[in-house]
Every structure is written in C-alpha cells, then in structure tokens.
Amino acid sequence: DKRGEITLDGSIDVVVETPFGFSFELTAVNVSSQLQDAVGNAVAVLDFFVPDTAWIPDPTHPGSGVVHLPFSGVHVRPLNIEGFGHLTASFMENKSTLRLNGTATVTTRSVLGELRIEMPVRDVTACVTPAFRQFTGMEIPSMDMFDGTPGHLELRPVVLTPNPSVLAFSIAPCLRTVIAVDGTDIGSATFCEITVHANATTTVPHVQVDMHASDPKGAVLVQQAIERYANGKDTLLEINGDPTRSPDPAAALIRPALGALRSHALLKGLPKGIISSVALGLVPDPKDLPNVRVPATLFIDNPWHGSLTITYVHAKVFAPDTEGYTLLLGEVPELDLRHDPLLVKGRSIVKQPQSVHKLPVHLLLGNCVSGHLMSCIKDVKDMLLDKSLKVRIECTMRLIVGHGFELELNYNQEGLPISLSLG
C-alpha cells in the first residue's frame, strides 16, 4: 500500500493427516510462522488467525481431511529486506516456492469436546506454479497521444496484462519500467495503483508513457515506432523493470521484483486511417494552366487527445487500376506549411472528422492516355455513380504533437474516399 506495508488476502487449502482414528471437525486455526528462503534463513514473519474454517473430512480415513483457510488483511513483516526481495523477485519466473516454519494452534470439535492443540509447522512448502511468468503476452490494443513537448511524447496506453498464476496483487505506489526496441531505450512507462487479477487478463488503464531518446539511434526508433503504429502495423516493445527510478519509499519491498521484470508488450497498430475523406474542387486554378491543379479539402478523424500541427506535406494519390492502386492520379507538391499549418484539434475539443484548409492537388491526367485510358474511364464512372472514388495515398508529413514534439511521418492509407465538391 502507500505506506509500504504488505498485506495478504486469499485462502490456503491444507491437507491434514492424523493418527487419531476418529472423526473430528477443525473449526479455527491460529498460525505463527516465518517465511524462509531456500537455505532456511527467515526473511519475513507471517501470522494469521482464521476463526471460521471449512473442514472437508476424508470419509475413508477418519481424522484426516482438508481444511480451507480463508484470510484477509494479513500483514507480512519483513525481517531481511534483501532476502525478502529475492523471494518476491522469484514470482516473476515460471514458478516460485514458499517455505514456512513455525507453530499452528488449531481448535477441534469431536466426541472429546472442543480442544485446542498446538502443533509445529516444519518445512511446509507451497509451490506456486505457474507464477507470473513475466506476464508474457502483454498487449497494448489502444494508445492515446496525449501531449508532446520538445523531445518528449506523452502517451496514455491501455495495457492488457495476462497473469497465469493463482496469485493476484494490488500495488499502490508508482512503479517505473523502461521501454526499448531491439535493446535500445526509447522511453519509460509508469504504472500507478495497479491491480492484476489471478488466472485472468487484466486491463490496466492510465499508464503514463514518456517516449524519448537519449541518442540519435533511439530517436530514429521512436519515430519508427510511432510511424508503424499510425500505419496500422504492430510493434513488439521490450518492457524492463527500472527499480532505481521507482523512488517511492513505499515501493522498497517490491523493487527487487520490479528489477526482475523482463517482458514484452505488443503495440497494436492503429485500426483505421486518420484521414476520413477528401473533397476535390471541380474548378482548376487558372493561374496554373495548362497544369490542372484543383483544391482539396481533407477531413481528418483525430483519434487522440493531443492536437496536431502539420508543417509539411508531400503526397501522391493512386487510383484503382487492373493491378490494384497503381495509377498515379495526382500529387500534392512539397508544401512548406510552417507559416500556414494544417491545425488538427484533439478529439475532445471538436467533433470528428474535422476539416483543414485546402491543399493544391496536381492532377496527372496525362497518365490516363498513357496506357490507362480504360481504367480512368472506369474510375470516372465510379465517381459519378458512387459519388466517390476510393484511392490510396502515400504522403510524408512533418508535424508537431501537442506543445512541441516534432515528428516526421511516412503515412499510407488505402481505400480513402475522394468525392467532388462544388466549393
């Protein structure tokens, strides 16, 4: 919790075998024990009292059975911080073993009446298999580009965290991890007040990600990761615990476990394109004749909270041909928009999709008479009948996210509808 204390909620099933030869009911258990490491050193004190047990007798062996011990709010008091840390770190692997030594006082009810019996708990082991297994299979199905400052991109992903273990946990203090691609750090992720359920995949929201790089190689990988994401392509991210930068005193007991975290998360690509549609003006600009340039209005569906300022655009538009989107139909020339940028507001500010100011499109009609006449006739017919023509766009954009994160993005989108506009 936020005070750095560890409490346990859960249940234990204990197999009881006695030589008594008569049936009895086990009604309460009081355990005073120590958790020990692999060589028998005590690392923590674990005391708990269960006033209401569930006793399941073995009908074939009187005096034997299984006692179910539910407990809640049981405090764990570490005796050896380093040893306890090694114990928590072991839970990150495929399996972990708990070792208990101490005493147990049990209350029984039988033909002899109610008895309290004190018995030793010696070298009792509980093997947790599977343990957390590095939370293998983590996935990021969605991610919000929340804001940006020079050199830093602020993201808010949703992380699906699989836990194959019977152990669940809640951690109040914030824990930091390092994000890397191919061994090169590209940012950090901070998890605060997280809960991971047992034998299930838990949706962990409100993760705070800061994408940044300390060298040119990392900067390139940041750009590539965002570019792949925007183009709908998945990226495998390395997630490594960073205990040295998780300074909250309340996190001291679990820093060793954080240091043992070496996992991966699959960042899923954006499921749909960010350009909703394009409207082409019918009247070419007379100043550009004989070149045919018409104004185009882009309608952009911004899926993120962060605003985008587009300062450079160069794009090519491909129409359907007999072999797919191979007919180069138009081009947006290289445009330096720093003095008149395309302003895309965040999704919570304006209704989506939103329009931006017009861009000139150079129609390459000469390609229609150079072996593509029938395809062009079909494309025109489709546009007139269906009111739009689906195309593929390939573009390079330079943009600023939020308050200053600069990004150059090669972006492709297929099946983009283009319609004619009188405006």
Protein backbone atom coordinates (compact mmCIF):
# COMPACT_ATOMS: atom_id res chain seq x y z
CA ASP A 1 0.00 0.00 0.00
CA LYS A 2 1.03 3.68 0.05
CA ARG A 3 2.70 3.20 3.46
CA GLY A 4 4.93 0.45 2.12
CA GLU A 5 3.15 -2.28 4.09
CA ILE A 6 2.31 -5.65 2.57
CA THR A 7 -1.00 -7.32 3.35
CA LEU A 8 -2.35 -10.59 2.03
CA ASP A 9 -5.85 -11.66 1.09
CA GLY A 10 -6.53 -15.17 -0.07
CA SER A 11 -7.01 -18.75 1.03
CA ILE A 12 -4.97 -21.88 1.65
CA ASP A 13 -6.10 -25.49 1.45
CA VAL A 14 -4.13 -27.65 3.91
CA VAL A 15 -4.12 -31.44 3.80
CA VAL A 16 -4.33 -32.79 7.38
CA GLU A 17 -3.40 -36.36 8.25
CA THR A 18 -3.57 -37.59 11.88
CA PRO A 19 -3.29 -40.99 13.56
CA PHE A 20 -6.29 -40.34 15.84
CA GLY A 21 -8.60 -42.85 14.15
CA PHE A 22 -11.79 -40.90 14.96
CA SER A 23 -13.60 -38.11 13.15
CA PHE A 24 -13.36 -34.52 14.25
CA GLU A 25 -14.06 -31.05 12.89
CA LEU A 26 -11.34 -28.42 12.67
CA THR A 27 -13.03 -25.08 13.47
CA ALA A 28 -10.26 -22.47 13.86
CA VAL A 29 -6.56 -22.06 13.13
CA ASN A 30 -4.01 -19.61 14.54
CA VAL A 31 -0.66 -19.66 12.70
CA SER A 32 2.57 -18.02 13.82
CA SER A 33 5.24 -18.63 11.20
CA GLN A 34 8.23 -17.35 9.32
CA LEU A 35 8.78 -17.29 5.59
CA GLN A 36 12.20 -18.73 4.80
CA ASP A 37 14.49 -18.63 1.82
CA ALA A 38 15.95 -21.69 0.06
CA VAL A 39 18.70 -22.18 2.68
CA GLY A 40 16.45 -21.74 5.71
CA ASN A 41 17.06 -18.08 6.56
CA ALA A 42 13.99 -16.29 7.90
CA VAL A 43 13.00 -13.40 5.61
CA ALA A 44 9.56 -12.42 6.96
CA VAL A 45 7.02 -13.05 9.69
CA LEU A 46 3.59 -14.28 8.64
CA ASP A 47 0.98 -14.56 11.40
CA PHE A 48 -2.70 -15.04 10.79
CA PHE A 49 -5.84 -16.23 12.57
CA VAL A 50 -8.72 -17.95 10.79
CA PRO A 51 -11.77 -18.12 13.09
CA ASP A 52 -14.08 -19.77 10.56
CA THR A 53 -12.52 -22.61 8.64
CA ALA A 54 -14.15 -25.01 6.24
CA TRP A 55 -13.37 -28.61 7.14
CA ILE A 56 -13.73 -31.30 4.47
CA PRO A 57 -13.26 -34.72 6.14
CA ASP A 58 -11.80 -37.69 4.31
CA PRO A 59 -14.55 -40.37 4.61
CA THR A 60 -12.05 -43.19 4.08
CA HIS A 61 -9.57 -42.02 6.74
CA PRO A 62 -11.19 -40.77 9.96
CA GLY A 63 -9.20 -37.93 11.48
CA SER A 64 -7.90 -36.76 8.10
CA GLY A 65 -9.15 -34.28 5.55
CA VAL A 66 -8.65 -30.85 4.01
CA VAL A 67 -9.08 -27.58 5.85
CA HIS A 68 -9.87 -24.46 3.83
CA LEU A 69 -8.35 -21.33 5.42
CA PRO A 70 -9.62 -18.02 4.03
CA PHE A 71 -7.80 -14.94 5.29
CA SER A 72 -7.88 -11.19 4.71
CA GLY A 73 -5.69 -8.26 5.71
CA VAL A 74 -2.85 -10.45 6.95
CA HIS A 75 0.31 -8.39 7.46
CA VAL A 76 3.69 -9.59 6.27
CA ARG A 77 6.59 -8.18 8.32
CA PRO A 78 9.94 -8.48 6.53
CA LEU A 79 12.93 -9.49 8.66
CA ASN A 80 15.55 -9.48 5.92
CA ILE A 81 14.88 -6.91 3.20
CA GLU A 82 17.37 -8.41 0.74
CA GLY A 83 16.15 -11.95 1.29
CA PHE A 84 12.52 -10.91 1.08
CA GLY A 85 13.33 -9.08 -2.14
CA HIS A 86 14.80 -12.25 -3.65
CA LEU A 87 11.61 -14.07 -2.68
CA THR A 88 9.35 -11.51 -4.40
CA ALA A 89 11.61 -11.50 -7.46
CA SER A 90 11.15 -15.26 -7.81
CA PHE A 91 7.46 -14.73 -8.54
CA MET A 92 8.40 -13.21 -11.90
CA GLU A 93 9.59 -16.60 -13.13
CA ASN A 94 7.70 -19.73 -14.12
CA LYS A 95 7.33 -20.97 -10.57
CA SER A 96 8.11 -19.96 -7.00
CA THR A 97 8.21 -21.77 -3.68
CA LEU A 98 7.11 -20.52 -0.26
CA ARG A 99 8.62 -22.19 2.82
CA LEU A 100 7.02 -21.88 6.25
CA ASN A 101 8.27 -22.80 9.71
CA GLY A 102 6.54 -22.05 12.99
CA THR A 103 3.59 -23.22 15.05
CA ALA A 104 -0.13 -23.60 14.49
CA THR A 105 -2.78 -23.69 17.18
CA VAL A 106 -5.91 -25.48 15.99
CA THR A 107 -9.31 -25.75 17.57
CA THR A 108 -11.11 -29.06 17.08
CA ARG A 109 -14.57 -30.34 17.91
CA SER A 110 -15.15 -34.09 18.33
CA VAL A 111 -16.55 -36.70 20.71
CA LEU A 112 -13.90 -35.46 23.14
CA GLY A 113 -15.40 -31.99 23.09
CA GLU A 114 -13.63 -28.82 21.99
CA LEU A 115 -9.84 -29.00 22.14
CA ARG A 116 -7.04 -26.58 21.36
CA ILE A 117 -3.92 -28.27 20.06
CA GLU A 118 -0.58 -26.65 19.37
CA MET A 119 1.46 -28.33 16.66
CA PRO A 120 4.70 -27.49 14.86
CA VAL A 121 4.74 -26.25 11.27
CA ARG A 122 8.01 -27.57 9.92
CA ASP A 123 9.36 -27.13 6.42
CA VAL A 124 5.92 -26.66 4.93
CA THR A 125 6.32 -25.74 1.27
CA ALA A 126 3.83 -24.25 -1.11
CA CYS A 127 4.85 -24.33 -4.76
CA VAL A 128 3.22 -21.62 -6.85
CA THR A 129 3.06 -23.00 -10.38
CA PRO A 130 2.66 -21.16 -12.60
CA ALA A 131 3.94 -17.90 -11.12
CA PHE A 132 3.69 -14.63 -13.04
CA ARG A 133 5.87 -15.86 -15.96
CA GLN A 134 6.98 -12.30 -16.74
CA PHE A 135 3.36 -11.54 -17.72
CA THR A 136 4.20 -13.00 -21.13
CA GLY A 137 1.75 -11.92 -23.82
CA MET A 138 1.12 -8.32 -22.73
CA GLU A 139 -0.68 -6.32 -25.39
CA ILE A 140 -1.41 -2.64 -25.98
CA PRO A 141 -4.64 -2.58 -28.03
CA SER A 142 -5.05 1.20 -27.95
CA MET A 143 -2.91 4.23 -27.25
CA ASP A 144 -3.69 7.92 -26.89
CA MET A 145 -1.15 10.52 -27.98
CA PHE A 146 -1.97 12.84 -25.13
CA ASP A 147 0.52 15.68 -25.49
CA GLY A 148 4.06 16.48 -26.51
CA THR A 149 6.92 18.74 -25.56
CA PRO A 150 10.30 19.12 -27.30
CA GLY A 151 11.91 15.69 -27.27
CA HIS A 152 9.12 14.00 -25.28
CA LEU A 153 5.87 12.40 -26.47
CA GLU A 154 3.27 11.78 -23.76
CA LEU A 155 1.13 8.68 -24.33
CA ARG A 156 -1.69 7.02 -22.42
CA PRO A 157 -1.94 3.35 -23.46
CA VAL A 158 -4.25 0.63 -22.22
CA VAL A 159 -2.22 -2.47 -21.30
CA LEU A 160 -3.71 -5.96 -21.28
CA THR A 161 -1.75 -7.93 -18.67
CA PRO A 162 -2.09 -11.74 -18.60
CA ASN A 163 -1.49 -13.45 -15.27
CA PRO A 164 -1.49 -17.27 -15.32
CA SER A 165 -0.91 -17.51 -11.56
CA VAL A 166 -3.35 -18.13 -8.73
CA LEU A 167 -1.80 -15.06 -7.12
CA ALA A 168 -3.42 -11.67 -7.65
CA PHE A 169 -1.97 -8.39 -6.41
CA SER A 170 -2.63 -4.69 -5.96
CA ILE A 171 0.21 -2.17 -5.75
CA ALA A 172 -0.41 1.41 -4.66
CA PRO A 173 2.99 3.10 -5.17
CA CYS A 174 4.09 4.04 -8.68
CA LEU A 175 6.48 1.69 -10.48
CA ARG A 176 8.57 2.64 -13.47
CA THR A 177 9.63 0.50 -16.41
CA VAL A 178 11.89 1.13 -19.39
CA ILE A 179 10.55 0.72 -22.93
CA ALA A 180 13.01 -0.48 -25.55
CA VAL A 181 13.12 -1.73 -29.15
CA ASP A 182 15.88 -4.14 -30.15
CA GLY A 183 17.76 -3.35 -26.95
CA THR A 184 17.70 0.44 -27.37
CA ASP A 185 15.73 2.50 -24.85
CA ILE A 186 13.00 4.68 -26.36
CA GLY A 187 11.08 5.78 -23.28
CA SER A 188 9.58 4.87 -19.94
CA ALA A 189 6.21 3.73 -18.61
CA THR A 190 4.91 4.46 -15.12
CA PHE A 191 2.25 2.25 -13.53
CA CYS A 192 0.38 3.64 -10.51
CA GLU A 193 -2.22 1.96 -8.28
CA ILE A 194 -2.44 -1.17 -10.39
CA THR A 195 -4.43 -4.32 -9.76
CA VAL A 196 -3.77 -7.58 -11.60
CA HIS A 197 -6.28 -10.40 -11.20
CA ALA A 198 -5.45 -14.09 -10.84
CA ASN A 199 -5.87 -16.56 -13.71
CA ALA A 200 -7.04 -13.78 -16.00
CA THR A 201 -6.01 -10.96 -18.30
CA THR A 202 -6.43 -7.61 -16.58
CA THR A 203 -6.97 -4.31 -18.36
CA VAL A 204 -4.55 -1.86 -16.77
CA PRO A 205 -5.59 1.73 -17.62
CA HIS A 206 -3.97 5.13 -17.03
CA VAL A 207 -0.41 4.01 -17.74
CA GLN A 208 1.81 7.07 -18.23
CA VAL A 209 4.30 6.72 -21.08
CA ASP A 210 7.04 9.19 -21.95
CA MET A 211 8.57 8.40 -25.35
CA HIS A 212 12.01 9.97 -25.62
CA ALA A 213 15.53 9.08 -26.66
CA SER A 214 18.97 9.96 -25.38
CA ASP A 215 20.84 9.32 -28.65
CA PRO A 216 20.22 9.52 -32.42
CA LYS A 217 19.58 5.77 -32.74
CA GLY A 218 16.88 5.93 -30.10
CA ALA A 219 15.32 8.99 -31.76
CA VAL A 220 15.04 7.06 -35.04
CA LEU A 221 13.41 4.10 -33.27
CA VAL A 222 10.88 6.42 -31.58
CA GLN A 223 9.93 7.83 -34.99
CA GLN A 224 9.70 4.34 -36.49
CA ALA A 225 7.52 3.01 -33.65
CA ILE A 226 5.02 5.87 -34.00
CA GLU A 227 5.10 5.58 -37.80
CA ARG A 228 4.36 1.85 -37.67
CA TYR A 229 1.56 2.45 -35.18
CA ALA A 230 -0.04 5.19 -37.32
CA ASN A 231 0.14 2.94 -40.39
CA GLY A 232 -1.68 0.09 -38.62
CA LYS A 233 1.40 -2.09 -38.08
CA ASP A 234 2.22 -3.88 -34.82
CA THR A 235 5.47 -3.32 -32.92
CA LEU A 236 6.98 -5.56 -30.25
CA LEU A 237 8.21 -3.48 -27.31
CA GLU A 238 10.57 -4.64 -24.59
CA ILE A 239 9.35 -3.84 -21.06
CA ASN A 240 12.07 -3.92 -18.38
CA GLY A 241 11.67 -3.00 -14.73
CA ASP A 242 13.51 0.11 -13.55
CA PRO A 243 13.79 -0.11 -9.75
CA THR A 244 16.38 2.68 -9.48
CA ARG A 245 13.85 5.17 -10.86
CA SER A 246 10.96 3.98 -8.72
CA PRO A 247 11.97 6.06 -5.68
CA ASP A 248 8.72 5.92 -3.71
CA PRO A 249 9.72 4.61 -0.24
CA ALA A 250 6.54 2.53 -0.24
CA ALA A 251 7.90 0.57 -3.21
CA ALA A 252 11.08 -0.57 -1.43
CA LEU A 253 9.88 -4.11 -0.73
CA ILE A 254 8.92 -4.82 -4.33
CA ARG A 255 11.81 -3.15 -6.14
CA PRO A 256 13.67 -6.49 -6.46
CA ALA A 257 10.63 -7.99 -8.18
CA LEU A 258 10.48 -4.95 -10.46
CA GLY A 259 14.17 -5.39 -11.24
CA ALA A 260 13.47 -8.98 -12.32
CA LEU A 261 10.82 -7.90 -14.84
CA ARG A 262 11.97 -8.65 -18.40
CA SER A 263 8.92 -8.84 -20.60
CA HIS A 264 7.42 -7.74 -23.92
CA ALA A 265 4.25 -5.97 -25.00
CA LEU A 266 2.77 -5.98 -28.48
CA LEU A 267 1.76 -2.45 -29.51
CA LYS A 268 -1.13 -2.93 -31.93
CA GLY A 269 -1.29 -0.66 -34.95
CA LEU A 270 -3.99 1.96 -35.32
CA PRO A 271 -7.05 0.05 -36.56
CA LYS A 272 -8.19 2.62 -39.10
CA GLY A 273 -6.82 5.55 -41.08
CA ILE A 274 -6.74 9.07 -39.69
CA ILE A 275 -7.97 10.69 -42.94
CA SER A 276 -11.72 10.22 -43.17
CA SER A 277 -12.26 11.57 -46.69
CA VAL A 278 -11.09 14.12 -49.28
CA ALA A 279 -13.22 16.57 -51.28
CA LEU A 280 -11.80 17.74 -54.64
CA GLY A 281 -12.87 21.06 -56.10
CA LEU A 282 -14.17 20.96 -59.68
CA VAL A 283 -12.66 24.25 -60.85
CA PRO A 284 -8.91 24.23 -61.52
CA ASP A 285 -6.75 27.17 -60.56
CA PRO A 286 -6.46 29.32 -63.75
CA LYS A 287 -3.04 30.62 -62.68
CA ASP A 288 -1.57 27.10 -63.05
CA LEU A 289 -2.94 26.31 -66.53
CA PRO A 290 -2.09 24.30 -68.60
CA ASN A 291 -1.30 22.31 -65.42
CA VAL A 292 -4.53 21.14 -63.81
CA ARG A 293 -4.45 21.95 -60.10
CA VAL A 294 -7.59 21.69 -58.04
CA PRO A 295 -8.15 22.48 -54.37
CA ALA A 296 -8.57 19.53 -51.99
CA THR A 297 -10.11 19.60 -48.53
CA LEU A 298 -9.00 16.91 -46.09
CA PHE A 299 -11.35 15.65 -43.38
CA ILE A 300 -9.27 14.23 -40.55
CA ASP A 301 -10.53 11.93 -37.81
CA ASN A 302 -8.09 12.58 -34.96
CA PRO A 303 -8.22 9.56 -32.62
CA TRP A 304 -6.08 11.25 -29.95
CA HIS A 305 -6.49 13.92 -27.29
CA GLY A 306 -3.35 15.69 -28.46
CA SER A 307 -3.56 18.35 -31.14
CA LEU A 308 -1.51 18.09 -34.34
CA THR A 309 0.14 20.92 -36.25
CA ILE A 310 1.16 19.78 -39.75
CA THR A 311 4.01 21.91 -41.11
CA TYR A 312 4.99 19.99 -44.25
CA VAL A 313 3.16 17.76 -46.73
CA HIS A 314 4.13 15.87 -49.85
CA ALA A 315 1.65 13.30 -51.13
CA LYS A 316 0.86 11.07 -54.09
CA VAL A 317 -2.61 9.78 -54.93
CA PHE A 318 -3.09 6.42 -56.67
CA ALA A 319 -6.38 5.36 -58.26
CA PRO A 320 -7.52 1.76 -58.92
CA ASP A 321 -6.06 0.05 -61.98
CA THR A 322 -6.21 -3.51 -63.21
CA GLU A 323 -3.47 -4.45 -60.71
CA GLY A 324 -4.74 -2.52 -57.71
CA TYR A 325 -3.97 1.04 -56.67
CA THR A 326 -1.20 1.60 -59.22
CA LEU A 327 -2.47 4.51 -61.36
CA LEU A 328 -0.75 7.72 -60.22
CA LEU A 329 -3.65 10.16 -60.48
CA GLY A 330 -2.44 13.22 -58.62
CA GLU A 331 0.21 14.75 -56.42
CA VAL A 332 0.32 17.27 -53.65
CA PRO A 333 3.63 19.07 -54.29
CA GLU A 334 6.08 19.58 -51.46
CA LEU A 335 4.47 22.24 -49.29
CA ASP A 336 6.23 24.14 -46.51
CA LEU A 337 3.31 24.97 -44.23
CA ARG A 338 5.20 26.44 -41.29
CA HIS A 339 3.59 29.84 -41.85
CA ASP A 340 0.15 28.41 -42.64
CA PRO A 341 -0.01 24.98 -40.96
CA LEU A 342 -2.81 22.46 -41.01
CA LEU A 343 -4.28 22.60 -37.50
CA VAL A 344 -5.87 19.37 -36.26
CA LYS A 345 -7.54 19.74 -32.89
CA GLY A 346 -7.79 16.97 -30.30
CA ARG A 347 -10.73 14.60 -30.36
CA SER A 348 -12.24 16.03 -27.16
CA ILE A 349 -12.14 19.62 -28.46
CA VAL A 350 -14.08 19.38 -31.73
CA LYS A 351 -16.41 16.89 -33.35
CA GLN A 352 -14.62 14.42 -35.62
CA PRO A 353 -13.93 14.29 -38.51
CA GLN A 354 -12.73 17.89 -38.86
CA SER A 355 -11.69 19.75 -41.97
CA VAL A 356 -8.43 21.59 -42.50
CA HIS A 357 -7.64 24.31 -45.02
CA LYS A 358 -7.40 23.43 -48.72
CA LEU A 359 -4.31 21.96 -50.35
CA PRO A 360 -3.49 22.07 -54.08
CA VAL A 361 -3.58 18.76 -55.94
CA HIS A 362 -1.87 18.46 -59.31
CA LEU A 363 -4.00 16.08 -61.40
CA LEU A 364 -1.76 13.95 -63.63
CA LEU A 365 -4.27 13.39 -66.39
CA GLY A 366 -1.54 12.51 -68.85
CA ASN A 367 -1.23 9.13 -67.16
CA CYS A 368 -4.75 8.32 -68.33
CA VAL A 369 -3.79 8.42 -72.01
CA SER A 370 -0.52 6.59 -71.43
CA GLY A 371 -1.88 3.07 -71.24
CA HIS A 372 -4.52 3.59 -68.54
CA LEU A 373 -7.43 5.04 -70.51
CA MET A 374 -9.93 2.30 -69.71
CA SER A 375 -9.04 2.39 -66.03
CA CYS A 376 -9.52 6.17 -65.97
CA ILE A 377 -12.90 5.87 -67.69
CA LYS A 378 -13.97 3.29 -65.09
CA ASP A 379 -12.71 5.48 -62.24
CA VAL A 380 -14.68 8.47 -63.54
CA LYS A 381 -17.77 6.33 -63.94
CA ASP A 382 -17.40 5.00 -60.39
CA MET A 383 -17.03 8.52 -59.03
CA LEU A 384 -20.14 9.73 -60.84
CA LEU A 385 -22.26 6.71 -59.88
CA ASP A 386 -21.00 6.17 -56.32
CA LYS A 387 -20.35 9.86 -55.58
CA SER A 388 -16.79 8.96 -54.56
CA LEU A 389 -13.70 7.09 -55.69
CA LYS A 390 -11.54 5.05 -53.33
CA VAL A 391 -7.82 5.71 -53.68
CA ARG A 392 -4.51 5.06 -51.98
CA ILE A 393 -2.47 7.93 -50.62
CA GLU A 394 1.23 7.94 -49.86
CA CYS A 395 2.46 11.00 -48.03
CA THR A 396 5.24 12.41 -45.94
CA MET A 397 4.24 14.79 -43.18
CA ARG A 398 6.14 16.79 -40.62
CA LEU A 399 4.02 17.59 -37.63
CA ILE A 400 4.13 18.85 -34.09
CA VAL A 401 2.22 16.92 -31.41
CA GLY A 402 0.77 19.00 -28.59
CA HIS A 403 3.19 21.58 -27.27
CA GLY A 404 6.31 20.74 -29.22
CA PHE A 405 7.12 17.09 -30.03
CA GLU A 406 8.31 17.10 -33.65
CA LEU A 407 7.63 14.05 -35.78
CA GLU A 408 8.26 13.17 -39.42
CA LEU A 409 5.80 10.56 -40.59
CA ASN A 410 5.61 8.49 -43.78
CA TYR A 411 1.93 7.64 -43.92
CA ASN A 412 -0.03 5.38 -46.29
CA GLN A 413 -3.78 4.83 -46.39
CA GLU A 414 -5.71 2.61 -48.75
CA GLY A 415 -9.41 2.81 -49.58
CA LEU A 416 -9.61 6.55 -48.89
CA PRO A 417 -12.82 8.01 -50.43
CA ILE A 418 -12.43 11.07 -52.68
CA SER A 419 -15.50 12.98 -53.78
CA LEU A 420 -16.14 16.01 -56.00
CA SER A 421 -17.11 19.30 -54.46
CA LEU A 422 -18.60 22.45 -55.96
CA GLY A 423 -16.88 24.55 -53.31
